[in-house]
Amino acid sequence: MRKKRKPIFQIAVKNLNALIIIRTMTKAVSCSLRMILLVFCIFLVLCNYAPGFSSCSDMPLKIQNVMMTSPLMIDPVRLSIYIPPCYDERISDGYPVIYLLHGQNMDNSVWSKMGLQNILQDGFGQMILPHFLVVTIQEDNDLQDIYLSMLDKAILDTIIPWIDENFNTCTDRTCRAIGGISRGALWAEKIAFTYPEVFGSVGLHSIPGTYFDDQSLQVLIKKQIQNKLLLRVYIDVGSEDNYRHDGRIFSDQLNFYGYSNIRIVNPGGHDENYWSSQLLNYMIWYSEKWKVH
């Protein structure tokens, strides 16, 4: 039997309905695409102008306080870790680290009192400073003779390995600096010159004398020259500092052996006002060889 053909009118109507459906779907898809594009544009505007999304310079740095036990110390050691904005675990070469030690009759809070957080925040935001970590270390028993204390061993054997394990750090010696104010400068001097394979730079701020006698220092310097492990050395003191003449001893020792160092006398005394006025200069000097991330 021959199949009946549908009337041409019915075929035309069916095709017309299909065309209308297709056009409707096309319009819907087009509207959806336009909506997606609009949302994306709004997102870009927010990223560029909204305070919460603008850039790393507008994000606050983080401070992580840690209490760490060490088999070398009777009491736990307190640390404050200053973490730069937009800290990124994926950076391949890691972040440099500055280790700072306070003076006698002080604690870790001295760094916040002197404005370290604001100095880092502004320095990072204005791109005066490359991004790096700062670790401030508290010495609770700061009346103990440095010759008897094990703080230096705790820093080398416990604190630095923990920082390197828990943060994305650059572990090359050129990426590590250590510094201190007053008694902390004596610690920095002792640690850096005894372990130059660990640190590349040392800052001695208002150092009240020197840890080393001439003979001991001569032996250390000869080893550094043989192993090509010379340090960058920055020494500064206030013009009204009662220890300013004692603090010159170490610079004179280094000069006698032809060891390059920077020594600066600035207006000021042996106090927080002086150190806070110099903190930005310290950070710039420590980090001047480091790469901007």
C-alpha atoms as a PDB file:
ATOM      1  CA  MET A   1       0.000   0.000   0.000  1.00  0.00           C
ATOM      2  CA  ARG A   2       1.150   3.466  -0.764  1.00  0.00           C
ATOM      3  CA  LYS A   3       1.784   5.662   2.283  1.00  0.00           C
ATOM      4  CA  LYS A   4      -0.304   8.754   2.505  1.00  0.00           C
ATOM      5  CA  ARG A   5       1.663  11.909   2.161  1.00  0.00           C
ATOM      6  CA  LYS A   6       1.095  14.579   4.778  1.00  0.00           C
ATOM      7  CA  PRO A   7      -0.396  17.724   3.391  1.00  0.00           C
ATOM      8  CA  ILE A   8       2.172  20.340   2.491  1.00  0.00           C
ATOM      9  CA  PHE A   9       0.470  22.762   4.913  1.00  0.00           C
ATOM     10  CA  GLN A  10       1.086  20.427   7.893  1.00  0.00           C
ATOM     11  CA  ILE A  11       4.747  19.988   6.941  1.00  0.00           C
ATOM     12  CA  ALA A  12       5.215  23.735   6.653  1.00  0.00           C
ATOM     13  CA  VAL A  13       3.596  24.347  10.030  1.00  0.00           C
ATOM     14  CA  LYS A  14       5.777  21.686  11.682  1.00  0.00           C
ATOM     15  CA  ASN A  15       8.940  23.154  10.170  1.00  0.00           C
ATOM     16  CA  LEU A  16       7.876  26.633  11.223  1.00  0.00           C
ATOM     17  CA  ASN A  17       7.330  25.475  14.815  1.00  0.00           C
ATOM     18  CA  ALA A  18      10.802  23.860  14.830  1.00  0.00           C
ATOM     19  CA  LEU A  19      12.333  27.085  13.548  1.00  0.00           C
ATOM     20  CA  ILE A  20      10.581  29.094  16.247  1.00  0.00           C
ATOM     21  CA  ILE A  21      11.867  26.688  18.933  1.00  0.00           C
ATOM     22  CA  ILE A  22      15.419  26.925  17.589  1.00  0.00           C
ATOM     23  CA  ARG A  23      15.286  30.730  17.527  1.00  0.00           C
ATOM     24  CA  THR A  24      13.893  30.793  21.066  1.00  0.00           C
ATOM     25  CA  MET A  25      16.665  28.499  22.285  1.00  0.00           C
ATOM     26  CA  THR A  26      19.269  30.625  20.508  1.00  0.00           C
ATOM     27  CA  LYS A  27      17.949  33.743  22.210  1.00  0.00           C
ATOM     28  CA  ALA A  28      18.010  32.013  25.591  1.00  0.00           C
ATOM     29  CA  VAL A  29      21.595  30.871  25.078  1.00  0.00           C
ATOM     30  CA  SER A  30      22.540  34.346  23.907  1.00  0.00           C
ATOM     31  CA  CYS A  31      20.958  35.892  27.001  1.00  0.00           C
ATOM     32  CA  SER A  32      22.804  33.422  29.227  1.00  0.00           C
ATOM     33  CA  LEU A  33      26.103  34.238  27.564  1.00  0.00           C
ATOM     34  CA  ARG A  34      25.442  37.947  27.958  1.00  0.00           C
ATOM     35  CA  MET A  35      24.629  37.425  31.637  1.00  0.00           C
ATOM     36  CA  ILE A  36      27.833  35.431  32.176  1.00  0.00           C
ATOM     37  CA  LEU A  37      29.850  38.130  30.406  1.00  0.00           C
ATOM     38  CA  LEU A  38      28.213  40.834  32.541  1.00  0.00           C
ATOM     39  CA  VAL A  39      29.007  38.968  35.782  1.00  0.00           C
ATOM     40  CA  PHE A  40      32.593  38.463  34.643  1.00  0.00           C
ATOM     41  CA  CYS A  41      33.001  42.172  33.879  1.00  0.00           C
ATOM     42  CA  ILE A  42      31.622  43.107  37.291  1.00  0.00           C
ATOM     43  CA  PHE A  43      34.087  40.688  38.893  1.00  0.00           C
ATOM     44  CA  LEU A  44      36.986  42.332  37.037  1.00  0.00           C
ATOM     45  CA  VAL A  45      35.862  45.768  38.183  1.00  0.00           C
ATOM     46  CA  LEU A  46      35.687  44.580  41.787  1.00  0.00           C
ATOM     47  CA  CYS A  47      39.153  43.051  41.535  1.00  0.00           C
ATOM     48  CA  ASN A  48      40.552  46.358  40.313  1.00  0.00           C
ATOM     49  CA  TYR A  49      38.746  48.771  42.591  1.00  0.00           C
ATOM     50  CA  ALA A  50      37.217  47.053  45.625  1.00  0.00           C
ATOM     51  CA  PRO A  51      39.371  47.406  48.758  1.00  0.00           C
ATOM     52  CA  GLY A  52      39.068  43.717  49.562  1.00  0.00           C
ATOM     53  CA  PHE A  53      40.317  42.558  46.181  1.00  0.00           C
ATOM     54  CA  SER A  54      42.683  45.258  44.966  1.00  0.00           C
ATOM     55  CA  SER A  55      46.233  43.871  45.383  1.00  0.00           C
ATOM     56  CA  CYS A  56      48.774  42.422  47.769  1.00  0.00           C
ATOM     57  CA  SER A  57      49.698  45.925  48.873  1.00  0.00           C
ATOM     58  CA  ASP A  58      46.254  46.295  50.488  1.00  0.00           C
ATOM     59  CA  MET A  59      46.317  42.973  52.286  1.00  0.00           C
ATOM     60  CA  PRO A  60      47.614  42.906  55.883  1.00  0.00           C
ATOM     61  CA  LEU A  61      50.632  40.835  56.772  1.00  0.00           C
ATOM     62  CA  LYS A  62      50.031  38.062  59.279  1.00  0.00           C
ATOM     63  CA  ILE A  63      51.764  37.494  62.603  1.00  0.00           C
ATOM     64  CA  GLN A  64      51.915  33.949  63.930  1.00  0.00           C
ATOM     65  CA  ASN A  65      52.961  33.490  67.548  1.00  0.00           C
ATOM     66  CA  VAL A  66      54.547  30.152  68.423  1.00  0.00           C
ATOM     67  CA  MET A  67      55.787  28.626  71.664  1.00  0.00           C
ATOM     68  CA  MET A  68      58.420  26.013  70.910  1.00  0.00           C
ATOM     69  CA  THR A  69      60.125  23.502  73.149  1.00  0.00           C
ATOM     70  CA  SER A  70      63.761  22.611  72.690  1.00  0.00           C
ATOM     71  CA  PRO A  71      65.746  19.886  74.460  1.00  0.00           C
ATOM     72  CA  LEU A  72      68.496  22.494  74.852  1.00  0.00           C
ATOM     73  CA  MET A  73      66.361  24.972  76.787  1.00  0.00           C
ATOM     74  CA  ILE A  74      64.652  24.637  80.165  1.00  0.00           C
ATOM     75  CA  ASP A  75      61.727  26.873  79.189  1.00  0.00           C
ATOM     76  CA  PRO A  76      59.832  27.006  75.875  1.00  0.00           C
ATOM     77  CA  VAL A  77      61.058  29.589  73.367  1.00  0.00           C
ATOM     78  CA  ARG A  78      58.544  32.142  72.102  1.00  0.00           C
ATOM     79  CA  LEU A  79      58.619  33.199  68.462  1.00  0.00           C
ATOM     80  CA  SER A  80      56.680  35.740  66.433  1.00  0.00           C
ATOM     81  CA  ILE A  81      56.660  35.107  62.688  1.00  0.00           C
ATOM     82  CA  TYR A  82      55.823  38.018  60.389  1.00  0.00           C
ATOM     83  CA  ILE A  83      54.363  36.617  57.169  1.00  0.00           C
ATOM     84  CA  PRO A  84      54.183  38.906  54.102  1.00  0.00           C
ATOM     85  CA  PRO A  85      50.908  39.606  52.248  1.00  0.00           C
ATOM     86  CA  CYS A  86      50.043  37.122  49.499  1.00  0.00           C
ATOM     87  CA  TYR A  87      52.395  34.543  51.002  1.00  0.00           C
ATOM     88  CA  ASP A  88      52.558  31.708  48.468  1.00  0.00           C
ATOM     89  CA  GLU A  89      53.621  28.126  49.154  1.00  0.00           C
ATOM     90  CA  ARG A  90      54.110  27.611  45.401  1.00  0.00           C
ATOM     91  CA  ILE A  91      57.025  30.018  44.943  1.00  0.00           C
ATOM     92  CA  SER A  92      59.818  27.752  43.764  1.00  0.00           C
ATOM     93  CA  ASP A  93      62.807  29.460  45.367  1.00  0.00           C
ATOM     94  CA  GLY A  94      61.123  30.222  48.705  1.00  0.00           C
ATOM     95  CA  TYR A  95      61.160  33.293  50.931  1.00  0.00           C
ATOM     96  CA  PRO A  96      64.262  34.707  52.626  1.00  0.00           C
ATOM     97  CA  VAL A  97      64.162  34.964  56.436  1.00  0.00           C
ATOM     98  CA  ILE A  98      65.456  37.536  58.922  1.00  0.00           C
ATOM     99  CA  TYR A  99      65.947  36.354  62.516  1.00  0.00           C
ATOM    100  CA  LEU A 100      65.888  39.115  65.151  1.00  0.00           C
ATOM    101  CA  LEU A 101      66.911  39.074  68.812  1.00  0.00           C
ATOM    102  CA  HIS A 102      65.897  41.674  71.412  1.00  0.00           C
ATOM    103  CA  GLY A 103      68.084  43.186  74.116  1.00  0.00           C
ATOM    104  CA  GLN A 104      68.381  42.702  77.858  1.00  0.00           C
ATOM    105  CA  ASN A 105      65.346  43.485  80.034  1.00  0.00           C
ATOM    106  CA  MET A 106      63.113  43.269  76.957  1.00  0.00           C
ATOM    107  CA  ASP A 107      60.839  40.697  75.381  1.00  0.00           C
ATOM    108  CA  ASN A 108      59.407  39.996  71.955  1.00  0.00           C
ATOM    109  CA  SER A 109      56.852  42.779  72.305  1.00  0.00           C
ATOM    110  CA  VAL A 110      59.604  45.358  71.812  1.00  0.00           C
ATOM    111  CA  TRP A 111      59.447  44.805  68.050  1.00  0.00           C
ATOM    112  CA  SER A 112      55.744  45.640  67.838  1.00  0.00           C
ATOM    113  CA  LYS A 113      56.266  48.643  70.132  1.00  0.00           C
ATOM    114  CA  MET A 114      58.912  49.918  67.744  1.00  0.00           C
ATOM    115  CA  GLY A 115      56.517  49.550  64.796  1.00  0.00           C
ATOM    116  CA  LEU A 116      57.990  46.571  62.976  1.00  0.00           C
ATOM    117  CA  GLN A 117      54.586  45.448  61.672  1.00  0.00           C
ATOM    118  CA  ASN A 118      53.780  48.843  60.149  1.00  0.00           C
ATOM    119  CA  ILE A 119      57.267  49.232  58.703  1.00  0.00           C
ATOM    120  CA  LEU A 120      57.013  45.858  56.970  1.00  0.00           C
ATOM    121  CA  GLN A 121      53.443  46.501  55.802  1.00  0.00           C
ATOM    122  CA  ASP A 122      54.359  49.866  54.268  1.00  0.00           C
ATOM    123  CA  GLY A 123      57.648  48.586  52.876  1.00  0.00           C
ATOM    124  CA  PHE A 124      55.976  45.636  51.149  1.00  0.00           C
ATOM    125  CA  GLY A 125      53.065  47.769  49.930  1.00  0.00           C
ATOM    126  CA  GLN A 126      55.271  50.495  48.468  1.00  0.00           C
ATOM    127  CA  MET A 127      57.670  47.889  47.052  1.00  0.00           C
ATOM    128  CA  ILE A 128      60.543  49.325  49.059  1.00  0.00           C
ATOM    129  CA  LEU A 129      61.074  45.827  50.434  1.00  0.00           C
ATOM    130  CA  PRO A 130      60.910  42.440  48.680  1.00  0.00           C
ATOM    131  CA  HIS A 131      58.717  39.877  50.407  1.00  0.00           C
ATOM    132  CA  PHE A 132      60.442  37.929  53.168  1.00  0.00           C
ATOM    133  CA  LEU A 133      59.685  36.416  56.570  1.00  0.00           C
ATOM    134  CA  VAL A 134      60.797  37.911  59.869  1.00  0.00           C
ATOM    135  CA  VAL A 135      61.182  35.701  62.946  1.00  0.00           C
ATOM    136  CA  THR A 136      61.634  37.453  66.293  1.00  0.00           C
ATOM    137  CA  ILE A 137      62.952  35.253  69.095  1.00  0.00           C
ATOM    138  CA  GLN A 138      62.366  35.836  72.794  1.00  0.00           C
ATOM    139  CA  GLU A 139      65.124  35.156  75.302  1.00  0.00           C
ATOM    140  CA  ASP A 140      63.456  34.712  78.684  1.00  0.00           C
ATOM    141  CA  ASN A 141      66.654  34.210  80.671  1.00  0.00           C
ATOM    142  CA  ASP A 142      68.368  37.333  79.344  1.00  0.00           C
ATOM    143  CA  LEU A 143      70.443  37.868  82.499  1.00  0.00           C
ATOM    144  CA  GLN A 144      72.317  34.608  81.977  1.00  0.00           C
ATOM    145  CA  ASP A 145      75.879  34.872  80.725  1.00  0.00           C
ATOM    146  CA  ILE A 146      75.912  34.367  76.949  1.00  0.00           C
ATOM    147  CA  TYR A 147      78.869  32.008  77.368  1.00  0.00           C
ATOM    148  CA  LEU A 148      76.659  29.679  79.444  1.00  0.00           C
ATOM    149  CA  SER A 149      73.361  29.977  77.546  1.00  0.00           C
ATOM    150  CA  MET A 150      72.294  27.428  74.931  1.00  0.00           C
ATOM    151  CA  LEU A 151      70.042  29.821  73.018  1.00  0.00           C
ATOM    152  CA  ASP A 152      72.330  29.814  69.992  1.00  0.00           C
ATOM    153  CA  LYS A 153      72.183  26.011  69.788  1.00  0.00           C
ATOM    154  CA  ALA A 154      68.399  26.089  70.135  1.00  0.00           C
ATOM    155  CA  ILE A 155      68.178  28.565  67.251  1.00  0.00           C
ATOM    156  CA  LEU A 156      70.408  26.432  65.022  1.00  0.00           C
ATOM    157  CA  ASP A 157      69.102  22.976  65.964  1.00  0.00           C
ATOM    158  CA  THR A 158      65.404  23.617  66.653  1.00  0.00           C
ATOM    159  CA  ILE A 159      64.068  26.975  65.509  1.00  0.00           C
ATOM    160  CA  ILE A 160      65.564  27.285  62.020  1.00  0.00           C
ATOM    161  CA  PRO A 161      64.728  23.662  61.037  1.00  0.00           C
ATOM    162  CA  TRP A 162      61.144  24.184  62.263  1.00  0.00           C
ATOM    163  CA  ILE A 163      60.769  27.408  60.254  1.00  0.00           C
ATOM    164  CA  ASP A 164      62.160  25.749  57.119  1.00  0.00           C
ATOM    165  CA  GLU A 165      59.840  22.769  57.564  1.00  0.00           C
ATOM    166  CA  ASN A 166      56.664  24.758  58.172  1.00  0.00           C
ATOM    167  CA  PHE A 167      57.164  27.657  55.748  1.00  0.00           C
ATOM    168  CA  ASN A 168      58.234  27.999  52.151  1.00  0.00           C
ATOM    169  CA  THR A 169      61.720  29.369  52.807  1.00  0.00           C
ATOM    170  CA  CYS A 170      64.892  29.736  50.811  1.00  0.00           C
ATOM    171  CA  THR A 171      67.464  27.649  52.673  1.00  0.00           C
ATOM    172  CA  ASP A 172      70.599  29.018  51.043  1.00  0.00           C
ATOM    173  CA  ARG A 173      72.790  30.984  53.473  1.00  0.00           C
ATOM    174  CA  THR A 174      72.449  34.100  51.318  1.00  0.00           C
ATOM    175  CA  CYS A 175      68.711  34.022  52.025  1.00  0.00           C
ATOM    176  CA  ARG A 176      69.159  34.115  55.807  1.00  0.00           C
ATOM    177  CA  ALA A 177      70.070  37.100  57.944  1.00  0.00           C
ATOM    178  CA  ILE A 178      70.375  37.477  61.693  1.00  0.00           C
ATOM    179  CA  GLY A 179      70.455  40.645  63.733  1.00  0.00           C
ATOM    180  CA  GLY A 180      69.840  42.029  67.170  1.00  0.00           C
ATOM    181  CA  ILE A 181      69.692  45.117  69.338  1.00  0.00           C
ATOM    182  CA  SER A 182      72.035  45.565  72.313  1.00  0.00           C
ATOM    183  CA  ARG A 183      72.477  42.108  73.932  1.00  0.00           C
ATOM    184  CA  GLY A 184      70.702  40.660  70.899  1.00  0.00           C
ATOM    185  CA  ALA A 185      73.502  42.097  68.755  1.00  0.00           C
ATOM    186  CA  LEU A 186      76.057  40.152  70.800  1.00  0.00           C
ATOM    187  CA  TRP A 187      74.029  37.001  70.147  1.00  0.00           C
ATOM    188  CA  ALA A 188      73.848  37.792  66.427  1.00  0.00           C
ATOM    189  CA  GLU A 189      77.610  38.384  66.330  1.00  0.00           C
ATOM    190  CA  LYS A 190      78.357  35.085  68.061  1.00  0.00           C
ATOM    191  CA  ILE A 191      75.910  33.023  65.982  1.00  0.00           C
ATOM    192  CA  ALA A 192      76.721  34.472  62.555  1.00  0.00           C
ATOM    193  CA  PHE A 193      80.507  34.318  62.896  1.00  0.00           C
ATOM    194  CA  THR A 194      80.436  30.851  64.425  1.00  0.00           C
ATOM    195  CA  TYR A 195      78.033  29.475  61.793  1.00  0.00           C
ATOM    196  CA  PRO A 196      78.663  31.438  58.570  1.00  0.00           C
ATOM    197  CA  GLU A 197      77.441  28.437  56.562  1.00  0.00           C
ATOM    198  CA  VAL A 198      73.941  29.170  57.894  1.00  0.00           C
ATOM    199  CA  PHE A 199      73.750  32.975  57.529  1.00  0.00           C
ATOM    200  CA  GLY A 200      74.837  35.376  54.832  1.00  0.00           C
ATOM    201  CA  SER A 201      74.273  38.686  56.634  1.00  0.00           C
ATOM    202  CA  VAL A 202      74.479  39.943  60.217  1.00  0.00           C
ATOM    203  CA  GLY A 203      73.220  43.221  61.683  1.00  0.00           C
ATOM    204  CA  LEU A 204      74.751  44.456  64.936  1.00  0.00           C
ATOM    205  CA  HIS A 205      72.590  47.300  66.204  1.00  0.00           C
ATOM    206  CA  SER A 206      74.010  49.139  69.233  1.00  0.00           C
ATOM    207  CA  ILE A 207      76.304  46.231  70.114  1.00  0.00           C
ATOM    208  CA  PRO A 208      77.793  46.852  73.585  1.00  0.00           C
ATOM    209  CA  GLY A 209      81.286  45.487  72.940  1.00  0.00           C
ATOM    210  CA  THR A 210      82.206  42.181  71.307  1.00  0.00           C
ATOM    211  CA  TYR A 211      81.846  38.489  72.059  1.00  0.00           C
ATOM    212  CA  PHE A 212      85.187  37.454  70.538  1.00  0.00           C
ATOM    213  CA  ASP A 213      88.764  38.028  71.598  1.00  0.00           C
ATOM    214  CA  ASP A 214      91.229  38.833  68.824  1.00  0.00           C
ATOM    215  CA  GLN A 215      92.673  35.343  68.529  1.00  0.00           C
ATOM    216  CA  SER A 216      89.302  33.569  68.352  1.00  0.00           C
ATOM    217  CA  LEU A 217      88.045  35.995  65.732  1.00  0.00           C
ATOM    218  CA  GLN A 218      91.198  35.597  63.654  1.00  0.00           C
ATOM    219  CA  VAL A 219      90.701  31.820  63.563  1.00  0.00           C
ATOM    220  CA  LEU A 220      87.058  32.200  62.485  1.00  0.00           C
ATOM    221  CA  ILE A 221      87.901  34.719  59.774  1.00  0.00           C
ATOM    222  CA  LYS A 222      90.613  32.470  58.322  1.00  0.00           C
ATOM    223  CA  LYS A 223      88.097  29.623  58.111  1.00  0.00           C
ATOM    224  CA  GLN A 224      85.548  31.879  56.412  1.00  0.00           C
ATOM    225  CA  ILE A 225      88.099  32.983  53.830  1.00  0.00           C
ATOM    226  CA  GLN A 226      89.194  29.396  53.138  1.00  0.00           C
ATOM    227  CA  ASN A 227      85.601  28.219  52.730  1.00  0.00           C
ATOM    228  CA  LYS A 228      84.435  31.368  50.900  1.00  0.00           C
ATOM    229  CA  LEU A 229      81.817  32.089  53.559  1.00  0.00           C
ATOM    230  CA  LEU A 230      82.384  35.779  54.262  1.00  0.00           C
ATOM    231  CA  LEU A 231      79.458  37.631  55.827  1.00  0.00           C
ATOM    232  CA  ARG A 232      77.846  40.949  55.040  1.00  0.00           C
ATOM    233  CA  VAL A 233      78.214  42.977  58.251  1.00  0.00           C
ATOM    234  CA  TYR A 234      76.255  46.080  59.299  1.00  0.00           C
ATOM    235  CA  ILE A 235      77.137  47.868  62.553  1.00  0.00           C
ATOM    236  CA  ASP A 236      75.327  50.960  63.767  1.00  0.00           C
ATOM    237  CA  VAL A 237      75.127  52.958  66.964  1.00  0.00           C
ATOM    238  CA  GLY A 238      73.547  56.141  68.286  1.00  0.00           C
ATOM    239  CA  SER A 239      75.767  59.180  68.750  1.00  0.00           C
ATOM    240  CA  GLU A 240      74.579  59.506  72.366  1.00  0.00           C
ATOM    241  CA  ASP A 241      74.847  55.777  73.143  1.00  0.00           C
ATOM    242  CA  ASN A 242      76.864  55.166  76.313  1.00  0.00           C
ATOM    243  CA  TYR A 243      78.216  51.993  74.678  1.00  0.00           C
ATOM    244  CA  ARG A 244      79.238  53.673  71.430  1.00  0.00           C
ATOM    245  CA  HIS A 245      82.987  53.358  72.119  1.00  0.00           C
ATOM    246  CA  ASP A 246      82.666  49.724  73.239  1.00  0.00           C
ATOM    247  CA  GLY A 247      80.617  49.009  70.151  1.00  0.00           C
ATOM    248  CA  ARG A 248      83.442  50.186  67.925  1.00  0.00           C
ATOM    249  CA  ILE A 249      85.729  47.413  69.167  1.00  0.00           C
ATOM    250  CA  PHE A 250      84.298  44.745  66.869  1.00  0.00           C
ATOM    251  CA  SER A 251      84.426  46.979  63.808  1.00  0.00           C
ATOM    252  CA  ASP A 252      88.081  47.771  64.599  1.00  0.00           C
ATOM    253  CA  GLN A 253      88.795  44.036  64.941  1.00  0.00           C
ATOM    254  CA  LEU A 254      87.293  43.362  61.511  1.00  0.00           C
ATOM    255  CA  ASN A 255      89.131  46.278  59.932  1.00  0.00           C
ATOM    256  CA  PHE A 256      92.431  45.014  61.338  1.00  0.00           C
ATOM    257  CA  TYR A 257      91.923  41.707  59.501  1.00  0.00           C
ATOM    258  CA  GLY A 258      90.728  43.437  56.328  1.00  0.00           C
ATOM    259  CA  TYR A 259      87.168  42.163  56.786  1.00  0.00           C
ATOM    260  CA  SER A 260      84.619  44.347  54.989  1.00  0.00           C
ATOM    261  CA  ASN A 261      81.950  45.891  57.216  1.00  0.00           C
ATOM    262  CA  ILE A 262      79.665  48.898  57.368  1.00  0.00           C
ATOM    263  CA  ARG A 263      79.711  51.021  60.527  1.00  0.00           C
ATOM    264  CA  ILE A 264      77.337  53.957  60.889  1.00  0.00           C
ATOM    265  CA  VAL A 265      76.829  56.484  63.691  1.00  0.00           C
ATOM    266  CA  ASN A 266      73.345  58.003  63.702  1.00  0.00           C
ATOM    267  CA  PRO A 267      71.748  60.599  65.959  1.00  0.00           C
ATOM    268  CA  GLY A 268      70.229  58.929  69.021  1.00  0.00           C
ATOM    269  CA  GLY A 269      70.879  56.894  72.128  1.00  0.00           C
ATOM    270  CA  HIS A 270      70.669  53.294  73.312  1.00  0.00           C
ATOM    271  CA  ASP A 271      66.888  53.035  73.387  1.00  0.00           C
ATOM    272  CA  GLU A 272      63.710  52.135  71.539  1.00  0.00           C
ATOM    273  CA  ASN A 273      63.402  55.589  69.986  1.00  0.00           C
ATOM    274  CA  TYR A 274      66.734  55.120  68.240  1.00  0.00           C
ATOM    275  CA  TRP A 275      66.059  51.576  67.053  1.00  0.00           C
ATOM    276  CA  SER A 276      62.545  52.382  65.821  1.00  0.00           C
ATOM    277  CA  SER A 277      63.967  55.288  63.797  1.00  0.00           C
ATOM    278  CA  GLN A 278      66.371  52.868  62.110  1.00  0.00           C
ATOM    279  CA  LEU A 279      64.148  49.797  61.615  1.00  0.00           C
ATOM    280  CA  LEU A 280      63.308  50.557  57.997  1.00  0.00           C
ATOM    281  CA  ASN A 281      66.994  51.088  57.197  1.00  0.00           C
ATOM    282  CA  TYR A 282      67.755  47.744  58.827  1.00  0.00           C
ATOM    283  CA  MET A 283      65.126  45.946  56.737  1.00  0.00           C
ATOM    284  CA  ILE A 284      66.350  47.603  53.529  1.00  0.00           C
ATOM    285  CA  TRP A 285      69.953  46.611  54.226  1.00  0.00           C
ATOM    286  CA  TYR A 286      69.128  43.000  55.155  1.00  0.00           C
ATOM    287  CA  SER A 287      67.049  42.500  52.004  1.00  0.00           C
ATOM    288  CA  GLU A 288      68.908  44.559  49.397  1.00  0.00           C
ATOM    289  CA  LYS A 289      70.367  41.445  47.711  1.00  0.00           C
ATOM    290  CA  TRP A 290      67.084  39.542  47.671  1.00  0.00           C
ATOM    291  CA  LYS A 291      64.804  39.062  44.706  1.00  0.00           C
ATOM    292  CA  VAL A 292      61.384  40.690  44.534  1.00  0.00           C
ATOM    293  CA  HIS A 293      58.583  38.092  44.280  1.00  0.00           C
END
